[in-house]
C-alpha cells in the first residue's frame, strides 16, 4: 500500500485565509461585531468620558521650577514687593556635595578649586557664597577652606556653623 503524502499547511497560509474571511465578511462573527445584524450602520465614535487617557503617564511629576529665593523690596508707595532671585549653581546644593580639589594663589590672595557632584569645577575666593544655608567662604588656608553658614535649629533660632573642607592628598602624589 502506498501512503499519500499530506501537504503541510504553513502558519502564514492559515493567517491569510482567516484574515480574508474576516475582511470579506464571510465569517458570521463579523456581522455581529460591526452591528450589521441589528440594522445599525455608520461609523464608530469613541466616547472618552469616564475612561483614562492612554497617552498620559502613570506617574505624575511636578513641573520643574527654577531654583529661586524671594527678595522682599519696598516698591512705589511703600508696597512690599517680592521678586524672585535666581541662585547660582554653588548655592543650589549642599556644601557636603563639593570636593576641594586644589588651592592656588592669584594676585596675593588665595583661591580654591571645587568640584561639584556633577563633575563641574568652580573657583572660590574669600567672600564667595556657597551651599544651601547661606554659607560664605571666610578663609582659604594652604590645605583647607573654612566656610561659615547660618542654620536654623529646632526652635527657629539662627546658629552659625563652621564647615571645614580639607584638601585631599592622593596616594599617587608624593613629596616633592
N, C-alpha and C. Protein backbone atom coordinates (compact mmCIF):
# COMPACT_ATOMS: atom_id res chain seq x y z
N UNK A 1 0.81 -1.18 0.00
CA UNK A 1 0.00 0.00 0.00
C UNK A 1 0.86 1.24 0.00
N UNK A 2 0.44 2.12 -0.81
CA UNK A 2 1.14 3.40 -0.86
C UNK A 2 0.43 4.40 0.05
N UNK A 3 1.23 5.13 0.75
CA UNK A 3 0.68 6.20 1.58
C UNK A 3 0.71 7.50 0.81
N UNK A 4 -0.37 8.22 0.94
CA UNK A 4 -0.39 9.53 0.29
C UNK A 4 0.26 10.54 1.22
N UNK A 5 1.04 11.34 0.63
CA UNK A 5 1.70 12.38 1.42
C UNK A 5 0.76 13.56 1.59
N UNK A 6 0.67 14.00 2.82
CA UNK A 6 -0.16 15.16 3.08
C UNK A 6 0.73 16.40 3.03
N UNK A 7 0.17 17.43 2.44
CA UNK A 7 0.92 18.69 2.38
C UNK A 7 0.74 19.43 3.70
N UNK A 8 1.83 19.97 4.19
CA UNK A 8 1.77 20.75 5.41
C UNK A 8 1.27 22.16 5.06
N UNK A 9 0.36 22.63 5.89
CA UNK A 9 -0.16 23.99 5.71
C UNK A 9 0.64 24.90 6.63
N UNK A 10 1.21 25.92 6.06
CA UNK A 10 2.04 26.81 6.86
C UNK A 10 1.16 27.76 7.68
N UNK A 11 1.76 28.33 8.72
CA UNK A 11 1.05 29.28 9.58
C UNK A 11 0.64 30.52 8.81
N UNK A 12 1.47 30.98 7.90
CA UNK A 12 1.14 32.18 7.14
C UNK A 12 -0.08 31.95 6.26
N UNK A 13 -0.26 30.75 5.76
CA UNK A 13 -1.44 30.45 4.94
C UNK A 13 -2.70 30.51 5.79
N UNK A 14 -2.64 29.98 6.99
CA UNK A 14 -3.79 29.99 7.89
C UNK A 14 -4.15 31.42 8.26
N UNK A 15 -3.16 32.23 8.55
CA UNK A 15 -3.40 33.63 8.90
C UNK A 15 -4.02 34.36 7.72
N UNK A 16 -3.53 34.11 6.52
CA UNK A 16 -4.05 34.77 5.33
C UNK A 16 -5.52 34.42 5.09
N UNK A 17 -5.86 33.15 5.19
CA UNK A 17 -7.23 32.72 4.94
C UNK A 17 -8.17 33.28 6.01
N UNK A 18 -7.73 33.28 7.27
CA UNK A 18 -8.55 33.81 8.36
C UNK A 18 -8.81 35.30 8.17
N UNK A 19 -7.74 36.04 7.84
CA UNK A 19 -7.94 37.48 7.62
C UNK A 19 -8.81 37.74 6.40
N UNK A 20 -8.75 36.91 5.40
CA UNK A 20 -9.60 37.06 4.21
C UNK A 20 -11.06 36.88 4.60
N UNK A 21 -11.36 35.87 5.41
CA UNK A 21 -12.74 35.67 5.86
C UNK A 21 -13.24 36.86 6.67
N UNK A 22 -12.38 37.38 7.52
CA UNK A 22 -12.81 38.49 8.36
C UNK A 22 -13.07 39.75 7.55
N UNK A 23 -12.19 40.07 6.62
CA UNK A 23 -12.35 41.29 5.86
C UNK A 23 -13.42 41.20 4.77
N UNK A 24 -13.66 40.05 4.26
CA UNK A 24 -14.66 39.91 3.20
C UNK A 24 -16.07 39.73 3.78
N UNK A 25 -16.17 39.52 5.08
CA UNK A 25 -17.49 39.38 5.69
C UNK A 25 -18.07 38.00 5.53
N UNK A 26 -17.23 37.02 5.21
CA UNK A 26 -17.73 35.66 5.01
C UNK A 26 -18.00 35.01 6.36
N UNK A 27 -17.22 35.36 7.35
CA UNK A 27 -17.37 34.76 8.67
C UNK A 27 -18.63 35.34 9.35
N UNK A 28 -19.47 34.51 9.96
CA UNK A 28 -20.69 35.02 10.58
C UNK A 28 -20.41 35.93 11.78
N UNK A 29 -19.22 35.88 12.36
CA UNK A 29 -18.90 36.72 13.52
C UNK A 29 -18.76 38.18 13.13
N UNK A 30 -18.33 38.48 11.91
CA UNK A 30 -18.09 39.86 11.52
C UNK A 30 -19.36 40.67 11.50
N UNK A 31 -20.47 40.09 11.13
CA UNK A 31 -21.70 40.86 11.08
C UNK A 31 -22.14 41.23 12.49
N UNK A 32 -21.82 40.40 13.48
CA UNK A 32 -22.18 40.74 14.84
C UNK A 32 -21.24 41.80 15.41
N UNK A 33 -20.00 41.74 15.03
CA UNK A 33 -19.03 42.69 15.54
C UNK A 33 -19.35 44.09 15.03
N UNK A 34 -19.68 44.24 13.77
CA UNK A 34 -19.92 45.54 13.19
C UNK A 34 -21.37 46.00 13.32
N UNK A 35 -22.24 45.19 13.89
CA UNK A 35 -23.60 45.61 14.16
C UNK A 35 -24.51 45.55 12.96
N UNK A 36 -24.15 44.83 11.93
CA UNK A 36 -24.99 44.78 10.74
C UNK A 36 -26.26 43.98 10.97
N UNK A 37 -26.19 43.01 11.87
CA UNK A 37 -27.33 42.16 12.10
C UNK A 37 -28.45 42.93 12.80
N UNK A 38 -28.09 43.94 13.60
CA UNK A 38 -29.09 44.69 14.33
C UNK A 38 -29.60 45.87 13.51
N UNK A 39 -29.11 46.06 12.34
CA UNK A 39 -29.56 47.14 11.48
C UNK A 39 -28.85 48.46 11.74
N UNK A 40 -27.78 48.46 12.54
CA UNK A 40 -27.06 49.68 12.83
C UNK A 40 -25.92 49.81 11.82
N UNK A 41 -25.88 50.89 11.13
CA UNK A 41 -24.79 51.15 10.20
C UNK A 41 -24.21 52.52 10.51
N UNK A 42 -22.99 52.77 10.10
CA UNK A 42 -22.35 54.06 10.33
C UNK A 42 -20.96 53.85 10.89
N UNK A 43 -20.37 54.94 11.31
CA UNK A 43 -19.00 54.88 11.83
C UNK A 43 -19.03 54.86 13.35
N UNK A 44 -18.00 54.28 13.91
CA UNK A 44 -17.88 54.19 15.36
C UNK A 44 -17.31 55.50 15.88
N UNK A 45 -17.88 56.03 16.96
CA UNK A 45 -17.42 57.26 17.59
C UNK A 45 -16.96 56.92 19.00
N UNK A 46 -15.71 57.25 19.29
CA UNK A 46 -15.13 56.96 20.60
C UNK A 46 -15.60 58.01 21.60
N UNK A 47 -16.09 57.56 22.77
CA UNK A 47 -16.52 58.45 23.82
C UNK A 47 -15.55 58.30 25.01
N UNK A 48 -14.67 59.29 25.24
CA UNK A 48 -13.64 59.15 26.27
C UNK A 48 -14.13 59.43 27.70
N UNK A 49 -15.39 59.80 27.90
CA UNK A 49 -15.84 60.13 29.25
C UNK A 49 -15.78 58.92 30.16
N UNK A 50 -15.16 59.12 31.31
CA UNK A 50 -15.04 58.06 32.30
C UNK A 50 -13.93 57.06 32.03
N UNK A 51 -13.16 57.29 30.98
CA UNK A 51 -12.08 56.37 30.64
C UNK A 51 -10.75 57.09 30.81
N UNK A 52 -9.71 56.37 31.24
CA UNK A 52 -8.40 57.02 31.38
C UNK A 52 -7.79 57.31 30.01
N UNK A 53 -6.99 58.36 29.97
CA UNK A 53 -6.29 58.71 28.73
C UNK A 53 -5.11 57.77 28.56
N UNK A 54 -5.05 56.99 27.49
CA UNK A 54 -3.96 56.02 27.34
C UNK A 54 -2.60 56.66 27.08
N UNK A 55 -2.58 57.94 26.75
CA UNK A 55 -1.31 58.60 26.44
C UNK A 55 -0.75 59.40 27.61
N UNK A 56 -1.46 59.46 28.72
CA UNK A 56 -0.97 60.16 29.90
C UNK A 56 -0.06 59.22 30.68
N UNK A 57 1.04 59.73 31.27
CA UNK A 57 1.92 58.87 32.06
C UNK A 57 1.23 58.40 33.33
N UNK A 58 1.62 57.24 33.82
CA UNK A 58 1.03 56.70 35.04
C UNK A 58 1.42 57.52 36.26
N UNK A 59 2.65 57.99 36.28
CA UNK A 59 3.17 58.76 37.41
C UNK A 59 3.19 60.22 37.04
N UNK A 60 2.53 61.02 37.84
CA UNK A 60 2.53 62.46 37.57
C UNK A 60 3.69 63.09 38.32
N UNK A 61 4.48 63.86 37.61
CA UNK A 61 5.61 64.56 38.23
C UNK A 61 5.29 66.04 38.30
N UNK A 62 5.80 66.66 39.32
CA UNK A 62 5.60 68.09 39.47
C UNK A 62 6.45 68.81 38.44
N UNK A 63 5.96 69.90 37.88
CA UNK A 63 6.76 70.63 36.91
C UNK A 63 7.99 71.22 37.58
N UNK A 64 9.10 71.23 36.86
CA UNK A 64 10.33 71.76 37.42
C UNK A 64 10.23 73.27 37.55
N UNK A 65 10.56 73.73 38.74
CA UNK A 65 10.55 75.17 38.98
C UNK A 65 12.00 75.63 39.02
N UNK A 66 12.25 76.83 38.54
CA UNK A 66 13.61 77.33 38.64
C UNK A 66 13.99 77.53 40.10
N UNK A 67 15.25 77.27 40.42
CA UNK A 67 15.72 77.39 41.79
C UNK A 67 15.86 78.88 42.11
N UNK A 68 14.98 79.36 42.98
CA UNK A 68 14.98 80.78 43.30
C UNK A 68 14.80 81.00 44.79
N UNK A 69 15.11 82.17 45.21
CA UNK A 69 14.76 82.68 46.52
C UNK A 69 13.93 83.92 46.27
N UNK A 70 13.21 84.37 47.28
CA UNK A 70 12.42 85.58 47.10
C UNK A 70 13.08 86.72 47.85
N UNK A 71 13.17 87.85 47.15
CA UNK A 71 13.75 89.04 47.74
C UNK A 71 12.61 90.02 47.97
N UNK A 72 12.51 90.55 49.18
CA UNK A 72 11.44 91.49 49.51
C UNK A 72 11.98 92.90 49.36
N UNK A 73 11.26 93.71 48.61
CA UNK A 73 11.64 95.10 48.41
C UNK A 73 10.44 95.99 48.66
N UNK A 74 10.71 97.23 48.92
CA UNK A 74 9.65 98.22 49.03
C UNK A 74 9.50 98.90 47.68
N UNK A 75 8.31 98.80 47.14
CA UNK A 75 8.04 99.41 45.84
C UNK A 75 7.55 100.84 46.00
N UNK A 76 6.94 101.35 44.95
CA UNK A 76 6.40 102.70 44.99
C UNK A 76 5.24 102.75 45.96
N UNK A 77 5.18 103.78 46.74
CA UNK A 77 4.09 103.93 47.70
C UNK A 77 4.26 103.07 48.93
N UNK A 78 5.43 102.50 49.16
CA UNK A 78 5.69 101.70 50.35
C UNK A 78 5.13 100.29 50.29
N UNK A 79 4.72 99.82 49.10
CA UNK A 79 4.19 98.47 48.98
C UNK A 79 5.32 97.45 49.04
N UNK A 80 5.05 96.32 49.69
CA UNK A 80 6.03 95.24 49.76
C UNK A 80 5.92 94.41 48.49
N UNK A 81 7.03 94.27 47.78
CA UNK A 81 7.06 93.54 46.52
C UNK A 81 8.06 92.40 46.65
N UNK A 82 7.63 91.17 46.32
CA UNK A 82 8.53 90.02 46.34
C UNK A 82 9.02 89.76 44.92
N UNK A 83 10.33 89.73 44.76
CA UNK A 83 10.91 89.45 43.45
C UNK A 83 11.74 88.18 43.54
N UNK A 84 11.65 87.30 42.52
CA UNK A 84 12.47 86.10 42.56
C UNK A 84 13.93 86.41 42.24
N UNK A 85 14.82 85.76 42.97
CA UNK A 85 16.25 85.91 42.73
C UNK A 85 16.76 84.52 42.34
N UNK A 86 17.33 84.39 41.17
CA UNK A 86 17.83 83.10 40.70
C UNK A 86 19.18 82.81 41.34
N UNK A 87 19.32 81.59 41.85
CA UNK A 87 20.53 81.21 42.56
C UNK A 87 21.60 80.68 41.62
N UNK A 88 22.86 81.01 41.87
CA UNK A 88 23.94 80.43 41.08
C UNK A 88 24.13 78.96 41.45
N UNK A 89 24.83 78.18 40.64
CA UNK A 89 24.99 76.75 40.88
C UNK A 89 25.63 76.41 42.24
N UNK A 90 26.50 77.26 42.75
CA UNK A 90 27.14 76.98 44.03
C UNK A 90 26.15 77.00 45.20
N UNK A 91 25.05 77.72 45.05
CA UNK A 91 24.09 77.85 46.14
C UNK A 91 22.89 76.91 45.98
N UNK A 92 22.92 76.04 45.00
CA UNK A 92 21.79 75.13 44.77
C UNK A 92 21.95 73.79 45.46
N UNK A 93 23.15 73.44 45.89
CA UNK A 93 23.39 72.14 46.52
C UNK A 93 24.10 72.32 47.86
N UNK A 94 24.05 71.29 48.68
CA UNK A 94 24.66 71.31 50.00
C UNK A 94 26.19 71.34 49.89
N UNK A 95 26.84 71.91 50.88
CA UNK A 95 28.30 72.02 50.88
C UNK A 95 28.96 70.65 50.87
N UNK A 96 28.33 69.68 51.52
CA UNK A 96 28.90 68.34 51.60
C UNK A 96 29.04 67.63 50.27
N UNK A 97 28.39 68.13 49.24
CA UNK A 97 28.49 67.51 47.92
C UNK A 97 29.65 68.05 47.08
N UNK A 98 30.37 69.03 47.62
CA UNK A 98 31.53 69.58 46.93
C UNK A 98 32.80 68.92 47.44
N UNK A 99 33.78 68.85 46.56
CA UNK A 99 35.09 68.27 46.91
C UNK A 99 36.15 69.32 46.60
N UNK A 100 36.98 69.58 47.58
CA UNK A 100 38.07 70.54 47.39
C UNK A 100 39.17 69.87 46.59
N UNK A 101 39.47 70.44 45.43
CA UNK A 101 40.42 69.82 44.50
C UNK A 101 41.79 70.47 44.57
N UNK A 102 41.81 71.78 44.71
CA UNK A 102 43.11 72.45 44.73
C UNK A 102 43.02 73.85 45.31
N UNK A 103 44.17 74.34 45.74
CA UNK A 103 44.27 75.70 46.28
C UNK A 103 45.46 76.35 45.62
N UNK A 104 45.28 77.57 45.15
CA UNK A 104 46.35 78.30 44.49
C UNK A 104 46.37 79.74 44.95
N UNK A 105 47.26 80.52 44.32
CA UNK A 105 47.38 81.91 44.70
C UNK A 105 47.32 82.76 43.44
N UNK A 106 46.57 83.85 43.54
CA UNK A 106 46.44 84.75 42.40
C UNK A 106 46.44 86.19 42.93
N UNK A 107 47.39 86.95 42.50
CA UNK A 107 47.45 88.36 42.89
C UNK A 107 47.57 88.59 44.39
N UNK A 108 48.26 87.73 45.09
CA UNK A 108 48.45 87.90 46.52
C UNK A 108 47.34 87.31 47.38
N UNK A 109 46.28 86.83 46.78
CA UNK A 109 45.21 86.20 47.57
C UNK A 109 45.01 84.76 47.09
N UNK A 110 44.57 83.91 48.01
CA UNK A 110 44.37 82.50 47.67
C UNK A 110 43.02 82.28 47.01
N UNK A 111 42.99 81.30 46.12
CA UNK A 111 41.74 80.85 45.50
C UNK A 111 41.68 79.33 45.66
N UNK A 112 40.47 78.81 45.64
CA UNK A 112 40.28 77.37 45.80
C UNK A 112 39.48 76.84 44.62
N UNK A 113 39.77 75.61 44.23
CA UNK A 113 39.06 74.95 43.14
C UNK A 113 38.21 73.84 43.74
N UNK A 114 36.88 73.90 43.47
CA UNK A 114 35.94 72.91 44.00
C UNK A 114 35.35 72.13 42.84
N UNK A 115 35.07 70.84 43.10
CA UNK A 115 34.40 70.01 42.12
C UNK A 115 33.03 69.63 42.68
N UNK A 116 31.99 69.87 41.87
CA UNK A 116 30.64 69.53 42.28
C UNK A 116 30.35 68.05 42.04
N UNK A 117 29.21 67.59 42.54
CA UNK A 117 28.84 66.18 42.38
C UNK A 117 28.56 65.84 40.92
N UNK A 118 28.28 66.85 40.10
CA UNK A 118 28.02 66.63 38.68
C UNK A 118 29.29 66.70 37.83
N UNK A 119 30.45 66.89 38.46
CA UNK A 119 31.72 66.91 37.74
C UNK A 119 32.14 68.29 37.28
N UNK A 120 31.38 69.33 37.57
CA UNK A 120 31.73 70.69 37.17
C UNK A 120 32.66 71.30 38.23
N UNK A 121 33.53 72.19 37.76
CA UNK A 121 34.51 72.82 38.65
C UNK A 121 34.14 74.27 38.89
N UNK A 122 34.42 74.75 40.11
CA UNK A 122 34.12 76.12 40.50
C UNK A 122 35.32 76.72 41.20
N UNK A 123 35.54 78.01 40.99
CA UNK A 123 36.63 78.72 41.64
C UNK A 123 36.04 79.54 42.78
N UNK A 124 36.63 79.39 43.98
CA UNK A 124 36.17 80.13 45.15
C UNK A 124 37.24 81.10 45.59
N UNK A 125 36.80 82.23 46.08
CA UNK A 125 37.70 83.17 46.73
C UNK A 125 37.02 83.64 48.01
N UNK A 126 37.70 84.40 48.79
CA UNK A 126 37.14 84.86 50.06
C UNK A 126 35.87 85.67 49.80
N UNK A 127 34.79 85.31 50.52
CA UNK A 127 33.52 86.02 50.37
C UNK A 127 32.53 85.35 49.42
N UNK A 128 32.95 84.29 48.73
CA UNK A 128 32.07 83.60 47.79
C UNK A 128 30.96 82.88 48.56
N UNK A 129 29.72 83.00 48.08
CA UNK A 129 28.59 82.31 48.70
C UNK A 129 28.54 80.88 48.16
N UNK A 130 28.26 79.93 49.08
CA UNK A 130 28.22 78.52 48.70
C UNK A 130 27.26 77.78 49.63
N UNK A 131 26.56 76.79 49.11
CA UNK A 131 25.70 75.94 49.91
C UNK A 131 24.27 76.44 50.05
N UNK A 132 23.44 75.58 50.62
CA UNK A 132 22.02 75.89 50.78
C UNK A 132 21.73 76.80 51.96
N UNK A 133 22.64 76.88 52.93
CA UNK A 133 22.39 77.61 54.17
C UNK A 133 23.12 78.95 54.22
N UNK A 134 23.17 79.64 53.11
CA UNK A 134 23.79 80.97 53.02
C UNK A 134 25.23 80.98 53.54
N UNK A 135 26.01 79.99 53.13
CA UNK A 135 27.40 79.91 53.56
C UNK A 135 28.28 80.89 52.80
N UNK A 136 29.33 81.36 53.47
CA UNK A 136 30.32 82.27 52.85
C UNK A 136 31.71 81.75 53.16
N UNK A 137 32.58 81.83 52.19
CA UNK A 137 33.98 81.44 52.39
C UNK A 137 34.63 82.54 53.22
N UNK A 138 35.12 82.17 54.41
CA UNK A 138 35.75 83.16 55.28
C UNK A 138 37.27 83.13 55.19
N UNK A 139 37.84 81.93 55.01
CA UNK A 139 39.30 81.81 54.91
C UNK A 139 39.67 80.71 53.93
N UNK A 140 40.77 80.95 53.22
CA UNK A 140 41.35 79.90 52.39
C UNK A 140 42.79 79.73 52.86
N UNK A 141 43.04 78.61 53.49
CA UNK A 141 44.36 78.28 54.01
C UNK A 141 45.08 77.38 53.00
N UNK A 142 46.37 77.10 53.19
CA UNK A 142 47.10 76.28 52.21
C UNK A 142 46.53 74.87 52.00
N UNK A 143 45.82 74.31 53.00
CA UNK A 143 45.32 72.95 52.86
C UNK A 143 43.83 72.81 53.15
N UNK A 144 43.12 73.91 53.41
CA UNK A 144 41.70 73.82 53.72
C UNK A 144 40.96 75.13 53.42
N UNK A 145 39.64 75.02 53.31
CA UNK A 145 38.77 76.17 53.11
C UNK A 145 37.78 76.18 54.26
N UNK A 146 37.62 77.35 54.89
CA UNK A 146 36.70 77.49 56.02
C UNK A 146 35.49 78.30 55.55
N UNK A 147 34.31 77.71 55.80
CA UNK A 147 33.04 78.31 55.38
C UNK A 147 32.17 78.49 56.61
N UNK A 148 31.57 79.66 56.75
CA UNK A 148 30.61 79.92 57.83
C UNK A 148 29.22 79.97 57.20
N UNK A 149 28.31 79.16 57.78
CA UNK A 149 26.94 79.16 57.29
C UNK A 149 25.98 79.35 58.45
N UNK A 150 24.78 79.79 58.14
CA UNK A 150 23.76 80.03 59.15
C UNK A 150 22.68 78.96 59.01
N UNK A 151 22.44 78.24 60.13
CA UNK A 151 21.43 77.19 60.11
C UNK A 151 20.39 77.54 61.17
N UNK A 152 19.15 77.16 60.92
CA UNK A 152 18.10 77.34 61.92
C UNK A 152 17.96 76.04 62.69
N UNK A 153 17.97 76.13 64.02
CA UNK A 153 17.82 74.93 64.84
C UNK A 153 16.34 74.58 64.99
N UNK A 154 16.04 73.60 65.84
CA UNK A 154 14.67 73.12 66.00
C UNK A 154 13.74 74.19 66.57
N UNK A 155 14.29 75.17 67.28
CA UNK A 155 13.48 76.22 67.89
C UNK A 155 13.35 77.44 66.99
N UNK A 156 13.93 77.41 65.80
CA UNK A 156 13.86 78.53 64.87
C UNK A 156 14.94 79.58 65.08
N UNK A 157 15.88 79.30 65.96
CA UNK A 157 16.99 80.22 66.20
C UNK A 157 18.07 80.03 65.16
N UNK A 158 18.65 81.12 64.71
CA UNK A 158 19.75 81.04 63.76
C UNK A 158 21.06 80.77 64.50
N UNK A 159 21.77 79.75 64.04
CA UNK A 159 23.03 79.35 64.65
C UNK A 159 24.09 79.33 63.56
N UNK A 160 25.27 79.89 63.88
CA UNK A 160 26.39 79.86 62.92
C UNK A 160 27.07 78.50 62.98
N UNK A 161 27.38 77.97 61.82
CA UNK A 161 28.03 76.67 61.72
C UNK A 161 29.30 76.84 60.91
N UNK A 162 30.39 76.30 61.42
CA UNK A 162 31.68 76.39 60.73
C UNK A 162 31.94 75.08 60.00
N UNK A 163 32.13 75.16 58.69
CA UNK A 163 32.39 73.98 57.87
C UNK A 163 33.81 74.08 57.33
N UNK A 164 34.57 73.01 57.52
CA UNK A 164 35.95 72.99 57.03
C UNK A 164 36.04 71.92 55.94
N UNK A 165 36.48 72.34 54.76
CA UNK A 165 36.73 71.42 53.65
C UNK A 165 38.23 71.29 53.50
N UNK A 166 38.73 70.08 53.67
CA UNK A 166 40.17 69.84 53.60
C UNK A 166 40.57 69.34 52.21
N UNK A 167 41.76 69.71 51.83
CA UNK A 167 42.33 69.26 50.57
C UNK A 167 42.77 67.82 50.73
N UNK A 168 42.28 66.94 49.91
CA UNK A 168 42.61 65.52 49.99
C UNK A 168 43.86 65.24 49.17
N UNK A 169 44.84 64.68 49.80
CA UNK A 169 46.07 64.30 49.09
C UNK A 169 45.88 62.90 48.52
N UNK A 170 46.16 62.72 47.25
CA UNK A 170 46.03 61.41 46.61
C UNK A 170 47.22 60.53 46.95
N UNK A 171 47.07 59.23 46.77
CA UNK A 171 48.16 58.29 47.02
C UNK A 171 49.28 58.42 46.01
N UNK A 172 48.92 58.85 44.79
CA UNK A 172 49.92 58.97 43.75
C UNK A 172 50.77 60.23 43.90
N UNK A 173 50.32 61.15 44.78
CA UNK A 173 51.10 62.37 44.98
C UNK A 173 52.15 62.11 46.04
N UNK A 174 53.36 62.30 45.69
CA UNK A 174 54.46 62.12 46.66
C UNK A 174 55.00 63.48 47.08
N UNK A 175 55.96 63.45 47.98
CA UNK A 175 56.57 64.71 48.39
C UNK A 175 57.58 65.11 47.33
N UNK A 176 57.58 66.39 47.04
CA UNK A 176 58.50 66.91 46.01
C UNK A 176 59.79 67.32 46.59
